[in-house]
Structures are given as structure tokens and as C-alpha cells.
Amino acid sequence: MAGRRLILPLALLLAAALSIGDSRASANPTSSLLAPAGACGPAADQLNLDLSTAQKAMLCLTNYARIHSGLKRLVGNAMLNQAGEAKLNADVSCGEFTHTPCSKPFDVVFAAYLTGARAYALGENIAWGTGSFGTPRETMNAWIHSSEHLRNILSPAFHELGIGYLPGQTFQGMTGATLWSQEFATRSPVIRRSSSSTHR
């Protein structure tokens, strides 16, 4: 099924985008980082998934690439999932495909996650596609064949991942668009100060 796709990465507060079009990426060494059909369940090759299933499929695909590159798995994070959903909803409502929809700062969607953190690193990949280009595997296929997106996926600096997913959208003049985001992050522990008092 013909379709269209666009993807954008953001690493350590730097952004980039990718349109997923009819041309497929040529075979190269990164092709081995794409989980084979069935490795992440049938949902990885399906459209119009429920949110939880979509997030599980994309987390599986992401961790497959990391494990096959000798890296640790990323852990899913609910606050980062919410950040991803917020970013995609803002892109749709603002009618833009960007890391800074409606000119809001990139990291505004991470406010809850970053509360109290002493240090952090953030990265983001975004994509949208129609038809089969909207499936989790096809989106991951495009990301791993883009050096900027792959850099986020394989960065040892990141330990947690959130997934944003919006299927069945009318976006950029196309109907049936599926939007995806990967929200990569690491934060230092929040400093907890204990209070004590001395009585004499």
C-alpha cells in the first residue's frame, strides 16, 4: 500500500525530521538492527493499534536495535509517554511537523519528567506516515536508516523511553496519517534532603 512518511529526530536538544516516502532505504549494515517480522509480535506490522499495544511494539523494536548493538535496553516511562503524546497533539493542533510546534520550546513537554532533576539528557525522534508507512516496523525502518535518528536510538546516554502515537489523523493535507514519537531521556536522581532537628 502506497503511503507517505516523515520523521524527525532530536538528540540532546537538537532536532531533525524525515519524510517517509515511497522510496525504501537501500540495504546497508543498519538493516540488521530492524527486528524481523514477528520478533515484536504481529502488532509491529499493523495499523490503528490501541495506544498500549503500539507503545509495546515500538519499545520492543527500539530495544531490538539497541541489544543488537551491544547496548542496554531502554526502560519505558509513563511521563515520557505523556510527553510524546503532548508533542504529537501539538503538532496536529498547530498544523506543523516540528519539535517546537506553535513556537513552544522543545522541552516544554518534559516539564513533569524534569522536575527536581540535577542533570538530564533529552532526545526525540518524530515521524508520520500514511498507509503501511505508519506501522511500527516501517517507522523504525526509516529511523534506523537515518543517521540522526539512529544516533538517538543507539545513544548510551539514554536510559528511558516514551512513545507517542496518534493513528488515523488528517495531517499535512493527508488523511489516514499515523504520527509517532520516541522520547529519549536520562535524568539524575532528585536530591532528597532530610530534615532533622536536635533538642537539648
C-alpha atoms as a PDB file:
ATOM      1  CA  MET A   1       0.000   0.000   0.000  1.00  0.00           C
ATOM      2  CA  ALA A   2       1.495   3.306  -1.046  1.00  0.00           C
ATOM      3  CA  GLY A   3       1.908   5.952   1.575  1.00  0.00           C
ATOM      4  CA  ARG A   4       3.952   8.832   2.763  1.00  0.00           C
ATOM      5  CA  ARG A   5       6.117   9.268   5.818  1.00  0.00           C
ATOM      6  CA  LEU A   6       8.037  11.949   7.609  1.00  0.00           C
ATOM      7  CA  ILE A   7      10.371  11.560  10.570  1.00  0.00           C
ATOM      8  CA  LEU A   8      12.247  13.970  12.828  1.00  0.00           C
ATOM      9  CA  PRO A   9      14.985  13.198  15.392  1.00  0.00           C
ATOM     10  CA  LEU A  10      16.039  15.322  18.284  1.00  0.00           C
ATOM     11  CA  ALA A  11      19.150  14.483  20.263  1.00  0.00           C
ATOM     12  CA  LEU A  12      20.316  16.293  23.332  1.00  0.00           C
ATOM     13  CA  LEU A  13      18.122  19.254  22.412  1.00  0.00           C
ATOM     14  CA  LEU A  14      18.969  19.198  18.670  1.00  0.00           C
ATOM     15  CA  ALA A  15      16.241  18.493  16.077  1.00  0.00           C
ATOM     16  CA  ALA A  16      15.810  16.928  12.632  1.00  0.00           C
ATOM     17  CA  ALA A  17      12.945  15.499  10.551  1.00  0.00           C
ATOM     18  CA  LEU A  18      12.318  12.781   7.987  1.00  0.00           C
ATOM     19  CA  SER A  19       9.538  12.268   5.484  1.00  0.00           C
ATOM     20  CA  ILE A  20       8.774   8.635   4.890  1.00  0.00           C
ATOM     21  CA  GLY A  21       8.063   8.410   1.178  1.00  0.00           C
ATOM     22  CA  ASP A  22       7.595   5.674  -1.367  1.00  0.00           C
ATOM     23  CA  SER A  23      11.308   5.083  -1.804  1.00  0.00           C
ATOM     24  CA  ARG A  24      12.685   2.423   0.518  1.00  0.00           C
ATOM     25  CA  ALA A  25      16.072   2.703   2.172  1.00  0.00           C
ATOM     26  CA  SER A  26      18.753   0.702   0.408  1.00  0.00           C
ATOM     27  CA  ALA A  27      20.311  -2.243   2.185  1.00  0.00           C
ATOM     28  CA  ASN A  28      23.159  -1.299   4.478  1.00  0.00           C
ATOM     29  CA  PRO A  29      24.657  -2.537   7.734  1.00  0.00           C
ATOM     30  CA  THR A  30      21.941  -0.865   9.808  1.00  0.00           C
ATOM     31  CA  SER A  31      19.336  -3.160   8.221  1.00  0.00           C
ATOM     32  CA  SER A  32      20.319  -5.858  10.737  1.00  0.00           C
ATOM     33  CA  LEU A  33      19.055  -3.558  13.510  1.00  0.00           C
ATOM     34  CA  LEU A  34      15.445  -3.882  12.339  1.00  0.00           C
ATOM     35  CA  ALA A  35      13.670  -6.665  14.191  1.00  0.00           C
ATOM     36  CA  PRO A  36      12.492  -9.331  11.736  1.00  0.00           C
ATOM     37  CA  ALA A  37       8.788  -9.817  11.173  1.00  0.00           C
ATOM     38  CA  GLY A  38       7.223 -11.491  14.201  1.00  0.00           C
ATOM     39  CA  ALA A  39      10.070 -10.677  16.607  1.00  0.00           C
ATOM     40  CA  CYS A  40       7.983  -7.960  18.269  1.00  0.00           C
ATOM     41  CA  GLY A  41       4.614  -9.619  17.714  1.00  0.00           C
ATOM     42  CA  PRO A  42       2.073  -9.128  14.924  1.00  0.00           C
ATOM     43  CA  ALA A  43       1.258  -5.593  16.100  1.00  0.00           C
ATOM     44  CA  ALA A  44       4.609  -4.352  14.771  1.00  0.00           C
ATOM     45  CA  ASP A  45       3.238  -4.693  11.227  1.00  0.00           C
ATOM     46  CA  GLN A  46      -0.281  -3.409  11.865  1.00  0.00           C
ATOM     47  CA  LEU A  47      -2.072  -0.059  11.691  1.00  0.00           C
ATOM     48  CA  ASN A  48      -4.650   1.524  14.009  1.00  0.00           C
ATOM     49  CA  LEU A  49      -3.365  -0.105  17.179  1.00  0.00           C
ATOM     50  CA  ASP A  50      -4.550   0.766  20.655  1.00  0.00           C
ATOM     51  CA  LEU A  51      -2.070   3.024  22.464  1.00  0.00           C
ATOM     52  CA  SER A  52      -0.677   0.410  24.851  1.00  0.00           C
ATOM     53  CA  THR A  53      -0.067  -2.132  22.084  1.00  0.00           C
ATOM     54  CA  ALA A  54       1.571   0.490  19.865  1.00  0.00           C
ATOM     55  CA  GLN A  55       3.888   1.593  22.689  1.00  0.00           C
ATOM     56  CA  LYS A  56       4.902  -2.010  23.468  1.00  0.00           C
ATOM     57  CA  ALA A  57       5.648  -2.756  19.811  1.00  0.00           C
ATOM     58  CA  MET A  58       7.793   0.354  19.356  1.00  0.00           C
ATOM     59  CA  LEU A  59       9.654  -0.210  22.640  1.00  0.00           C
ATOM     60  CA  CYS A  60      10.389  -3.775  21.502  1.00  0.00           C
ATOM     61  CA  LEU A  61      11.666  -2.585  18.103  1.00  0.00           C
ATOM     62  CA  THR A  62      13.825   0.072  19.746  1.00  0.00           C
ATOM     63  CA  ASN A  63      15.331  -2.354  22.235  1.00  0.00           C
ATOM     64  CA  TYR A  64      15.983  -4.920  19.499  1.00  0.00           C
ATOM     65  CA  ALA A  65      18.197  -2.369  17.736  1.00  0.00           C
ATOM     66  CA  ARG A  66      19.971  -1.478  20.981  1.00  0.00           C
ATOM     67  CA  ILE A  67      20.581  -5.073  22.092  1.00  0.00           C
ATOM     68  CA  HIS A  68      21.947  -5.959  18.641  1.00  0.00           C
ATOM     69  CA  SER A  69      24.328  -3.015  19.005  1.00  0.00           C
ATOM     70  CA  GLY A  70      25.576  -4.195  22.412  1.00  0.00           C
ATOM     71  CA  LEU A  71      23.618  -1.596  24.387  1.00  0.00           C
ATOM     72  CA  LYS A  72      21.300  -1.890  27.367  1.00  0.00           C
ATOM     73  CA  ARG A  73      17.547  -1.881  26.922  1.00  0.00           C
ATOM     74  CA  LEU A  74      15.652   1.354  27.438  1.00  0.00           C
ATOM     75  CA  VAL A  75      13.004   1.288  30.155  1.00  0.00           C
ATOM     76  CA  GLY A  76       9.544   2.602  29.328  1.00  0.00           C
ATOM     77  CA  ASN A  77       8.469   5.674  31.287  1.00  0.00           C
ATOM     78  CA  ALA A  78       4.864   6.872  31.637  1.00  0.00           C
ATOM     79  CA  MET A  79       5.836  10.554  31.964  1.00  0.00           C
ATOM     80  CA  LEU A  80       7.825  10.289  28.735  1.00  0.00           C
ATOM     81  CA  ASN A  81       4.845   8.589  27.056  1.00  0.00           C
ATOM     82  CA  GLN A  82       2.771  11.625  28.064  1.00  0.00           C
ATOM     83  CA  ALA A  83       5.468  13.941  26.691  1.00  0.00           C
ATOM     84  CA  GLY A  84       5.332  12.101  23.377  1.00  0.00           C
ATOM     85  CA  GLU A  85       1.556  12.311  23.202  1.00  0.00           C
ATOM     86  CA  ALA A  86       1.676  16.024  24.037  1.00  0.00           C
ATOM     87  CA  LYS A  87       4.243  16.702  21.300  1.00  0.00           C
ATOM     88  CA  LEU A  88       2.229  14.899  18.631  1.00  0.00           C
ATOM     89  CA  ASN A  89      -1.049  16.513  19.693  1.00  0.00           C
ATOM     90  CA  ALA A  90       0.652  19.911  19.495  1.00  0.00           C
ATOM     91  CA  ASP A  91       1.984  19.129  16.011  1.00  0.00           C
ATOM     92  CA  VAL A  92      -1.519  18.216  14.854  1.00  0.00           C
ATOM     93  CA  SER A  93      -3.248  21.186  16.513  1.00  0.00           C
ATOM     94  CA  CYS A  94      -0.613  23.633  15.249  1.00  0.00           C
ATOM     95  CA  GLY A  95      -0.582  22.048  11.786  1.00  0.00           C
ATOM     96  CA  GLU A  96       3.205  21.689  11.898  1.00  0.00           C
ATOM     97  CA  PHE A  97       5.656  18.817  11.780  1.00  0.00           C
ATOM     98  CA  THR A  98       8.311  20.040  14.163  1.00  0.00           C
ATOM     99  CA  HIS A  99       9.945  19.589  17.559  1.00  0.00           C
ATOM    100  CA  THR A 100       8.737  23.082  18.501  1.00  0.00           C
ATOM    101  CA  PRO A 101       5.057  23.261  17.467  1.00  0.00           C
ATOM    102  CA  CYS A 102       3.427  26.692  17.768  1.00  0.00           C
ATOM    103  CA  SER A 103       6.932  28.026  18.589  1.00  0.00           C
ATOM    104  CA  LYS A 104       6.900  26.479  22.070  1.00  0.00           C
ATOM    105  CA  PRO A 105      10.286  25.381  23.450  1.00  0.00           C
ATOM    106  CA  PHE A 106      11.228  21.787  22.628  1.00  0.00           C
ATOM    107  CA  ASP A 107      11.473  20.711  26.259  1.00  0.00           C
ATOM    108  CA  VAL A 108       8.136  22.126  27.481  1.00  0.00           C
ATOM    109  CA  VAL A 109       6.523  18.656  27.229  1.00  0.00           C
ATOM    110  CA  PHE A 110       9.213  17.249  29.555  1.00  0.00           C
ATOM    111  CA  ALA A 111       8.432  19.558  32.497  1.00  0.00           C
ATOM    112  CA  ALA A 112       6.965  16.843  34.741  1.00  0.00           C
ATOM    113  CA  TYR A 113       9.799  14.425  33.975  1.00  0.00           C
ATOM    114  CA  LEU A 114      12.495  17.012  34.683  1.00  0.00           C
ATOM    115  CA  THR A 115      11.081  18.336  37.956  1.00  0.00           C
ATOM    116  CA  GLY A 116      13.843  18.196  40.552  1.00  0.00           C
ATOM    117  CA  ALA A 117      16.453  16.672  38.251  1.00  0.00           C
ATOM    118  CA  ARG A 118      20.014  17.923  38.767  1.00  0.00           C
ATOM    119  CA  ALA A 119      21.119  16.950  35.260  1.00  0.00           C
ATOM    120  CA  TYR A 120      19.460  15.388  32.255  1.00  0.00           C
ATOM    121  CA  ALA A 121      19.761  14.482  28.593  1.00  0.00           C
ATOM    122  CA  LEU A 122      16.831  14.509  26.168  1.00  0.00           C
ATOM    123  CA  GLY A 123      16.328  13.278  22.638  1.00  0.00           C
ATOM    124  CA  GLU A 124      13.355  12.980  20.339  1.00  0.00           C
ATOM    125  CA  ASN A 125      12.516  11.265  17.062  1.00  0.00           C
ATOM    126  CA  ILE A 126       9.221  12.091  15.391  1.00  0.00           C
ATOM    127  CA  ALA A 127       7.658  10.607  12.284  1.00  0.00           C
ATOM    128  CA  TRP A 128       4.442  10.463  10.377  1.00  0.00           C
ATOM    129  CA  GLY A 129       3.288   8.293   7.522  1.00  0.00           C
ATOM    130  CA  THR A 130       0.249   7.064   5.654  1.00  0.00           C
ATOM    131  CA  GLY A 131      -0.650   3.549   4.631  1.00  0.00           C
ATOM    132  CA  SER A 132       1.857   0.856   5.544  1.00  0.00           C
ATOM    133  CA  PHE A 133       4.432   3.545   6.331  1.00  0.00           C
ATOM    134  CA  GLY A 134       2.523   4.165   9.570  1.00  0.00           C
ATOM    135  CA  THR A 135       3.204   0.739  11.084  1.00  0.00           C
ATOM    136  CA  PRO A 136       5.701   0.457  13.945  1.00  0.00           C
ATOM    137  CA  ARG A 137       8.188  -1.595  11.878  1.00  0.00           C
ATOM    138  CA  GLU A 138       8.119   0.712   8.847  1.00  0.00           C
ATOM    139  CA  THR A 139       8.579   3.747  11.070  1.00  0.00           C
ATOM    140  CA  MET A 140      11.518   2.083  12.824  1.00  0.00           C
ATOM    141  CA  ASN A 141      12.914   1.047   9.432  1.00  0.00           C
ATOM    142  CA  ALA A 142      13.001   4.694   8.370  1.00  0.00           C
ATOM    143  CA  TRP A 143      14.536   5.816  11.655  1.00  0.00           C
ATOM    144  CA  ILE A 144      17.356   3.267  11.598  1.00  0.00           C
ATOM    145  CA  HIS A 145      18.242   4.252   8.027  1.00  0.00           C
ATOM    146  CA  SER A 146      18.663   7.887   9.051  1.00  0.00           C
ATOM    147  CA  SER A 147      21.947   8.634  10.816  1.00  0.00           C
ATOM    148  CA  GLU A 148      20.480  11.366  13.056  1.00  0.00           C
ATOM    149  CA  HIS A 149      17.561   9.225  14.192  1.00  0.00           C
ATOM    150  CA  LEU A 150      19.756   6.183  14.676  1.00  0.00           C
ATOM    151  CA  ARG A 151      22.105   8.251  16.832  1.00  0.00           C
ATOM    152  CA  ASN A 152      19.247   8.809  19.280  1.00  0.00           C
ATOM    153  CA  ILE A 153      18.179   5.160  19.211  1.00  0.00           C
ATOM    154  CA  LEU A 154      21.711   3.922  19.896  1.00  0.00           C
ATOM    155  CA  SER A 155      22.887   6.602  22.299  1.00  0.00           C
ATOM    156  CA  PRO A 156      24.289   5.087  25.509  1.00  0.00           C
ATOM    157  CA  ALA A 157      23.425   8.396  27.209  1.00  0.00           C
ATOM    158  CA  PHE A 158      19.728   7.497  27.271  1.00  0.00           C
ATOM    159  CA  HIS A 159      18.172   5.074  29.761  1.00  0.00           C
ATOM    160  CA  GLU A 160      14.420   5.661  29.432  1.00  0.00           C
ATOM    161  CA  LEU A 161      11.966   5.922  26.549  1.00  0.00           C
ATOM    162  CA  GLY A 162       8.474   7.243  25.991  1.00  0.00           C
ATOM    163  CA  ILE A 163       6.383   6.550  22.903  1.00  0.00           C
ATOM    164  CA  GLY A 164       3.818   8.914  21.429  1.00  0.00           C
ATOM    165  CA  TYR A 165       1.297   7.511  18.935  1.00  0.00           C
ATOM    166  CA  LEU A 166      -1.616   9.118  17.065  1.00  0.00           C
ATOM    167  CA  PRO A 167      -3.282   6.999  14.355  1.00  0.00           C
ATOM    168  CA  GLY A 168      -5.967   7.968  11.840  1.00  0.00           C
ATOM    169  CA  GLN A 169      -5.143  11.667  11.621  1.00  0.00           C
ATOM    170  CA  THR A 170      -5.668  14.217   8.869  1.00  0.00           C
ATOM    171  CA  PHE A 171      -2.253  15.874   8.754  1.00  0.00           C
ATOM    172  CA  GLN A 172      -0.309  17.972   6.255  1.00  0.00           C
ATOM    173  CA  GLY A 173      -3.145  17.543   3.734  1.00  0.00           C
ATOM    174  CA  MET A 174      -3.151  13.745   4.009  1.00  0.00           C
ATOM    175  CA  THR A 175      -5.834  11.518   5.522  1.00  0.00           C
ATOM    176  CA  GLY A 176      -5.146   8.337   7.458  1.00  0.00           C
ATOM    177  CA  ALA A 177      -1.829   9.607   8.799  1.00  0.00           C
ATOM    178  CA  THR A 178      -0.137   7.929  11.746  1.00  0.00           C
ATOM    179  CA  LEU A 179       2.187  10.027  13.919  1.00  0.00           C
ATOM    180  CA  TRP A 180       4.923   8.586  16.147  1.00  0.00           C
ATOM    181  CA  SER A 181       7.423   9.957  18.599  1.00  0.00           C
ATOM    182  CA  GLN A 182      10.261   8.473  20.600  1.00  0.00           C
ATOM    183  CA  GLU A 183      11.137  10.479  23.716  1.00  0.00           C
ATOM    184  CA  PHE A 184      14.599   9.510  24.947  1.00  0.00           C
ATOM    185  CA  ALA A 185      15.798  10.693  28.329  1.00  0.00           C
ATOM    186  CA  THR A 186      18.085  10.297  31.296  1.00  0.00           C
ATOM    187  CA  ARG A 187      17.907  12.293  34.486  1.00  0.00           C
ATOM    188  CA  SER A 188      19.983  12.358  37.614  1.00  0.00           C
ATOM    189  CA  PRO A 189      18.263  11.439  40.841  1.00  0.00           C
ATOM    190  CA  VAL A 190      16.419  14.192  42.604  1.00  0.00           C
ATOM    191  CA  ILE A 191      18.339  15.420  45.623  1.00  0.00           C
ATOM    192  CA  ARG A 192      16.391  14.463  48.714  1.00  0.00           C
ATOM    193  CA  ARG A 193      17.257  16.492  51.757  1.00  0.00           C
ATOM    194  CA  SER A 194      16.427  15.017  55.068  1.00  0.00           C
ATOM    195  CA  SER A 195      15.414  17.384  57.771  1.00  0.00           C
ATOM    196  CA  SER A 196      16.382  16.753  61.317  1.00  0.00           C
ATOM    197  CA  SER A 197      16.272  18.718  64.476  1.00  0.00           C
ATOM    198  CA  THR A 198      18.243  18.483  67.687  1.00  0.00           C
ATOM    199  CA  HIS A 199      16.554  19.098  71.003  1.00  0.00           C
ATOM    200  CA  ARG A 200      18.507  19.974  74.100  1.00  0.00           C
END
